[in-house]
Amino acid sequence: MTTEPPEIDDEGGAPDRSCANCGHPGHQHLVRDVELPGRTARETFCSECDALCEFVPEPNGH
């Protein structure tokens, strides 16, 4: 089963998706630019645990 990543808005919101690290609501995540070799990536971090976010997957069929 593959799951698509949630849509993340510019403020880091991922409505109705919780952080897999701590369970914090998705609308309380932060987006930051992270410098990687040769490029800049936009990554989402949890505002509660500050971990790079992995979201709890939604079951198919919503």
PDB file of N, CA and C in Angstrom:
ATOM      1  N   MET A   1       0.846  -1.175   0.000  1.00  0.00           N
ATOM      2  CA  MET A   1       0.000   0.000   0.000  1.00  0.00           C
ATOM      3  C   MET A   1       0.890   1.237   0.000  1.00  0.00           C
ATOM      4  N   THR A   2       0.683   2.107  -0.964  1.00  0.00           N
ATOM      5  CA  THR A   2       1.418   3.358  -0.994  1.00  0.00           C
ATOM      6  C   THR A   2       0.481   4.475  -0.585  1.00  0.00           C
ATOM      7  N   THR A   3       1.025   5.446   0.122  1.00  0.00           N
ATOM      8  CA  THR A   3       0.224   6.596   0.520  1.00  0.00           C
ATOM      9  C   THR A   3       0.878   7.841  -0.022  1.00  0.00           C
ATOM     10  N   GLU A   4       0.060   8.740  -0.492  1.00  0.00           N
ATOM     11  CA  GLU A   4       0.553  10.013  -0.984  1.00  0.00           C
ATOM     12  C   GLU A   4       0.824  10.926   0.205  1.00  0.00           C
ATOM     13  N   PRO A   5       1.888  11.747   0.124  1.00  0.00           N
ATOM     14  CA  PRO A   5       2.110  12.705   1.204  1.00  0.00           C
ATOM     15  C   PRO A   5       0.990  13.742   1.216  1.00  0.00           C
ATOM     16  N   PRO A   6       0.681  14.301   2.374  1.00  0.00           N
ATOM     17  CA  PRO A   6      -0.387  15.299   2.432  1.00  0.00           C
ATOM     18  C   PRO A   6       0.027  16.594   1.758  1.00  0.00           C
ATOM     19  N   GLU A   7      -0.953  17.362   1.318  1.00  0.00           N
ATOM     20  CA  GLU A   7      -0.678  18.693   0.801  1.00  0.00           C
ATOM     21  C   GLU A   7      -0.261  19.570   1.978  1.00  0.00           C
ATOM     22  N   ILE A   8       0.857  20.273   1.830  1.00  0.00           N
ATOM     23  CA  ILE A   8       1.365  21.147   2.882  1.00  0.00           C
ATOM     24  C   ILE A   8       1.260  22.576   2.384  1.00  0.00           C
ATOM     25  N   ASP A   9       0.586  23.450   3.133  1.00  0.00           N
ATOM     26  CA  ASP A   9       0.530  24.843   2.713  1.00  0.00           C
ATOM     27  C   ASP A   9       1.788  25.570   3.187  1.00  0.00           C
ATOM     28  N   ASP A  10       1.926  26.847   2.806  1.00  0.00           N
ATOM     29  CA  ASP A  10       3.144  27.602   3.112  1.00  0.00           C
ATOM     30  C   ASP A  10       3.398  27.771   4.601  1.00  0.00           C
ATOM     31  N   GLU A  11       2.367  27.681   5.418  1.00  0.00           N
ATOM     32  CA  GLU A  11       2.542  27.793   6.864  1.00  0.00           C
ATOM     33  C   GLU A  11       2.808  26.446   7.516  1.00  0.00           C
ATOM     34  N   GLY A  12       2.822  25.383   6.743  1.00  0.00           N
ATOM     35  CA  GLY A  12       3.109  24.067   7.298  1.00  0.00           C
ATOM     36  C   GLY A  12       1.882  23.264   7.650  1.00  0.00           C
ATOM     37  N   GLY A  13       0.713  23.761   7.280  1.00  0.00           N
ATOM     38  CA  GLY A  13      -0.510  23.051   7.629  1.00  0.00           C
ATOM     39  C   GLY A  13      -0.729  21.815   6.784  1.00  0.00           C
ATOM     40  N   ALA A  14      -1.123  20.771   7.420  1.00  0.00           N
ATOM     41  CA  ALA A  14      -1.538  19.540   6.752  1.00  0.00           C
ATOM     42  C   ALA A  14      -2.821  19.115   7.451  1.00  0.00           C
ATOM     43  N   PRO A  15      -3.938  19.758   7.102  1.00  0.00           N
ATOM     44  CA  PRO A  15      -5.180  19.514   7.839  1.00  0.00           C
ATOM     45  C   PRO A  15      -5.537  18.037   7.923  1.00  0.00           C
ATOM     46  N   ASP A  16      -6.030  17.639   9.070  1.00  0.00           N
ATOM     47  CA  ASP A  16      -6.518  16.283   9.320  1.00  0.00           C
ATOM     48  C   ASP A  16      -5.434  15.219   9.265  1.00  0.00           C
ATOM     49  N   ARG A  17      -4.182  15.599   9.338  1.00  0.00           N
ATOM     50  CA  ARG A  17      -3.081  14.632   9.365  1.00  0.00           C
ATOM     51  C   ARG A  17      -2.259  14.891  10.617  1.00  0.00           C
ATOM     52  N   SER A  18      -1.940  13.862  11.342  1.00  0.00           N
ATOM     53  CA  SER A  18      -1.184  14.006  12.587  1.00  0.00           C
ATOM     54  C   SER A  18       0.265  13.595  12.389  1.00  0.00           C
ATOM     55  N   CYS A  19       1.149  14.173  13.197  1.00  0.00           N
ATOM     56  CA  CYS A  19       2.568  13.830  13.182  1.00  0.00           C
ATOM     57  C   CYS A  19       2.737  12.386  13.658  1.00  0.00           C
ATOM     58  N   ALA A  20       3.442  11.582  12.889  1.00  0.00           N
ATOM     59  CA  ALA A  20       3.674  10.188  13.273  1.00  0.00           C
ATOM     60  C   ALA A  20       4.653  10.084  14.440  1.00  0.00           C
ATOM     61  N   ASN A  21       5.432  11.142  14.677  1.00  0.00           N
ATOM     62  CA  ASN A  21       6.399  11.113  15.773  1.00  0.00           C
ATOM     63  C   ASN A  21       5.741  11.325  17.133  1.00  0.00           C
ATOM     64  N   CYS A  22       4.822  12.308  17.212  1.00  0.00           N
ATOM     65  CA  CYS A  22       4.253  12.633  18.522  1.00  0.00           C
ATOM     66  C   CYS A  22       2.734  12.727  18.527  1.00  0.00           C
ATOM     67  N   GLY A  23       2.092  12.652  17.364  1.00  0.00           N
ATOM     68  CA  GLY A  23       0.638  12.705  17.302  1.00  0.00           C
ATOM     69  C   GLY A  23       0.052  14.103  17.279  1.00  0.00           C
ATOM     70  N   HIS A  24       0.899  15.123  17.241  1.00  0.00           N
ATOM     71  CA  HIS A  24       0.418  16.500  17.231  1.00  0.00           C
ATOM     72  C   HIS A  24      -0.365  16.786  15.952  1.00  0.00           C
ATOM     73  N   PRO A  25      -1.407  17.629  16.015  1.00  0.00           N
ATOM     74  CA  PRO A  25      -2.228  17.907  14.834  1.00  0.00           C
ATOM     75  C   PRO A  25      -1.424  18.503  13.680  1.00  0.00           C
ATOM     76  N   GLY A  26      -1.812  18.144  12.469  1.00  0.00           N
ATOM     77  CA  GLY A  26      -1.093  18.570  11.279  1.00  0.00           C
ATOM     78  C   GLY A  26      -1.102  20.060  11.024  1.00  0.00           C
ATOM     79  N   HIS A  27      -2.104  20.780  11.542  1.00  0.00           N
ATOM     80  CA  HIS A  27      -2.143  22.220  11.286  1.00  0.00           C
ATOM     81  C   HIS A  27      -1.124  22.974  12.132  1.00  0.00           C
ATOM     82  N   GLN A  28      -0.365  22.284  12.963  1.00  0.00           N
ATOM     83  CA  GLN A  28       0.628  22.929  13.812  1.00  0.00           C
ATOM     84  C   GLN A  28       2.045  22.515  13.431  1.00  0.00           C
ATOM     85  N   HIS A  29       2.289  22.376  12.148  1.00  0.00           N
ATOM     86  CA  HIS A  29       3.614  22.040  11.657  1.00  0.00           C
ATOM     87  C   HIS A  29       4.249  23.258  11.004  1.00  0.00           C
ATOM     88  N   LEU A  30       5.547  23.264  10.905  1.00  0.00           N
ATOM     89  CA  LEU A  30       6.298  24.389  10.364  1.00  0.00           C
ATOM     90  C   LEU A  30       7.053  23.961   9.118  1.00  0.00           C
ATOM     91  N   VAL A  31       7.112  24.858   8.131  1.00  0.00           N
ATOM     92  CA  VAL A  31       7.882  24.595   6.920  1.00  0.00           C
ATOM     93  C   VAL A  31       9.149  25.432   6.988  1.00  0.00           C
ATOM     94  N   ARG A  32      10.288  24.773   6.768  1.00  0.00           N
ATOM     95  CA  ARG A  32      11.576  25.480   6.758  1.00  0.00           C
ATOM     96  C   ARG A  32      12.362  25.047   5.539  1.00  0.00           C
ATOM     97  N   ASP A  33      13.180  25.966   5.037  1.00  0.00           N
ATOM     98  CA  ASP A  33      14.101  25.623   3.965  1.00  0.00           C
ATOM     99  C   ASP A  33      15.335  24.986   4.587  1.00  0.00           C
ATOM    100  N   VAL A  34      15.752  23.861   4.041  1.00  0.00           N
ATOM    101  CA  VAL A  34      16.906  23.118   4.535  1.00  0.00           C
ATOM    102  C   VAL A  34      17.931  23.069   3.411  1.00  0.00           C
ATOM    103  N   GLU A  35      19.151  23.501   3.710  1.00  0.00           N
ATOM    104  CA  GLU A  35      20.220  23.485   2.715  1.00  0.00           C
ATOM    105  C   GLU A  35      20.785  22.081   2.576  1.00  0.00           C
ATOM    106  N   LEU A  36      20.731  21.560   1.371  1.00  0.00           N
ATOM    107  CA  LEU A  36      21.298  20.259   1.040  1.00  0.00           C
ATOM    108  C   LEU A  36      22.359  20.477  -0.024  1.00  0.00           C
ATOM    109  N   PRO A  37      23.282  19.556  -0.199  1.00  0.00           N
ATOM    110  CA  PRO A  37      24.312  19.736  -1.219  1.00  0.00           C
ATOM    111  C   PRO A  37      23.689  19.978  -2.597  1.00  0.00           C
ATOM    112  N   GLY A  38      23.920  21.166  -3.134  1.00  0.00           N
ATOM    113  CA  GLY A  38      23.462  21.495  -4.475  1.00  0.00           C
ATOM    114  C   GLY A  38      22.027  21.959  -4.595  1.00  0.00           C
ATOM    115  N   ARG A  39      21.289  22.003  -3.493  1.00  0.00           N
ATOM    116  CA  ARG A  39      19.894  22.446  -3.591  1.00  0.00           C
ATOM    117  C   ARG A  39      19.346  22.831  -2.219  1.00  0.00           C
ATOM    118  N   THR A  40      18.207  23.480  -2.247  1.00  0.00           N
ATOM    119  CA  THR A  40      17.488  23.814  -1.026  1.00  0.00           C
ATOM    120  C   THR A  40      16.168  23.065  -1.046  1.00  0.00           C
ATOM    121  N   ALA A  41      15.855  22.384   0.030  1.00  0.00           N
ATOM    122  CA  ALA A  41      14.609  21.622   0.121  1.00  0.00           C
ATOM    123  C   ALA A  41      13.692  22.277   1.138  1.00  0.00           C
ATOM    124  N   ARG A  42      12.401  22.249   0.853  1.00  0.00           N
ATOM    125  CA  ARG A  42      11.399  22.702   1.829  1.00  0.00           C
ATOM    126  C   ARG A  42      10.940  21.476   2.595  1.00  0.00           C
ATOM    127  N   GLU A  43      11.201  21.464   3.885  1.00  0.00           N
ATOM    128  CA  GLU A  43      10.839  20.329   4.729  1.00  0.00           C
ATOM    129  C   GLU A  43       9.845  20.782   5.791  1.00  0.00           C
ATOM    130  N   THR A  44       9.054  19.867   6.260  1.00  0.00           N
ATOM    131  CA  THR A  44       8.046  20.156   7.273  1.00  0.00           C
ATOM    132  C   THR A  44       8.484  19.555   8.602  1.00  0.00           C
ATOM    133  N   PHE A  45       8.412  20.375   9.652  1.00  0.00           N
ATOM    134  CA  PHE A  45       8.800  19.968  10.994  1.00  0.00           C
ATOM    135  C   PHE A  45       7.622  20.160  11.931  1.00  0.00           C
ATOM    136  N   CYS A  46       7.502  19.297  12.907  1.00  0.00           N
ATOM    137  CA  CYS A  46       6.441  19.409  13.898  1.00  0.00           C
ATOM    138  C   CYS A  46       6.772  20.539  14.873  1.00  0.00           C
ATOM    139  N   SER A  47       5.792  21.395  15.152  1.00  0.00           N
ATOM    140  CA  SER A  47       6.033  22.499  16.082  1.00  0.00           C
ATOM    141  C   SER A  47       6.118  22.026  17.531  1.00  0.00           C
ATOM    142  N   GLU A  48       5.678  20.811  17.809  1.00  0.00           N
ATOM    143  CA  GLU A  48       5.733  20.279  19.177  1.00  0.00           C
ATOM    144  C   GLU A  48       7.046  19.541  19.440  1.00  0.00           C
ATOM    145  N   CYS A  49       7.399  18.582  18.590  1.00  0.00           N
ATOM    146  CA  CYS A  49       8.592  17.760  18.851  1.00  0.00           C
ATOM    147  C   CYS A  49       9.787  18.167  17.981  1.00  0.00           C
ATOM    148  N   ASP A  50       9.589  19.075  17.020  1.00  0.00           N
ATOM    149  CA  ASP A  50      10.616  19.604  16.121  1.00  0.00           C
ATOM    150  C   ASP A  50      11.284  18.525  15.278  1.00  0.00           C
ATOM    151  N   ALA A  51      10.639  17.382  15.147  1.00  0.00           N
ATOM    152  CA  ALA A  51      11.175  16.316  14.299  1.00  0.00           C
ATOM    153  C   ALA A  51      10.751  16.562  12.855  1.00  0.00           C
ATOM    154  N   LEU A  52      11.578  16.091  11.938  1.00  0.00           N
ATOM    155  CA  LEU A  52      11.198  16.096  10.535  1.00  0.00           C
ATOM    156  C   LEU A  52       9.949  15.242  10.418  1.00  0.00           C
ATOM    157  N   CYS A  53       8.911  15.769   9.834  1.00  0.00           N
ATOM    158  CA  CYS A  53       7.602  15.119   9.895  1.00  0.00           C
ATOM    159  C   CYS A  53       7.457  13.933   8.981  1.00  0.00           C
ATOM    160  N   GLU A  54       6.935  12.917   9.574  1.00  0.00           N
ATOM    161  CA  GLU A  54       6.346  11.784   8.873  1.00  0.00           C
ATOM    162  C   GLU A  54       4.900  11.806   9.343  1.00  0.00           C
ATOM    163  N   PHE A  55       3.982  11.731   8.403  1.00  0.00           N
ATOM    164  CA  PHE A  55       2.579  11.829   8.770  1.00  0.00           C
ATOM    165  C   PHE A  55       1.955  10.460   8.874  1.00  0.00           C
ATOM    166  N   VAL A  56       1.016  10.330   9.783  1.00  0.00           N
ATOM    167  CA  VAL A  56       0.266   9.092   9.925  1.00  0.00           C
ATOM    168  C   VAL A  56      -0.525   8.902   8.632  1.00  0.00           C
ATOM    169  N   PRO A  57      -0.333   7.787   7.934  1.00  0.00           N
ATOM    170  CA  PRO A  57      -1.044   7.603   6.663  1.00  0.00           C
ATOM    171  C   PRO A  57      -2.541   7.436   6.868  1.00  0.00           C
ATOM    172  N   GLU A  58      -3.285   7.907   5.878  1.00  0.00           N
ATOM    173  CA  GLU A  58      -4.731   7.719   5.893  1.00  0.00           C
ATOM    174  C   GLU A  58      -5.057   6.399   5.216  1.00  0.00           C
ATOM    175  N   PRO A  59      -6.045   5.688   5.705  1.00  0.00           N
ATOM    176  CA  PRO A  59      -6.447   4.461   5.007  1.00  0.00           C
ATOM    177  C   PRO A  59      -7.066   4.799   3.653  1.00  0.00           C
ATOM    178  N   ASN A  60      -6.931   3.901   2.701  1.00  0.00           N
ATOM    179  CA  ASN A  60      -7.549   4.115   1.394  1.00  0.00           C
ATOM    180  C   ASN A  60      -9.055   4.198   1.558  1.00  0.00           C
ATOM    181  N   GLY A  61      -9.663   5.056   0.748  1.00  0.00           N
ATOM    182  CA  GLY A  61     -11.103   5.206   0.807  1.00  0.00           C
ATOM    183  C   GLY A  61     -11.559   6.285   1.760  1.00  0.00           C
ATOM    184  N   HIS A  62     -10.633   6.888   2.489  1.00  0.00           N
ATOM    185  CA  HIS A  62     -10.879   7.974   3.435  1.00  0.00           C
ATOM    186  C   HIS A  62     -11.994   7.594   4.365  1.00  0.00           C
TER     187      HIS A  62
END
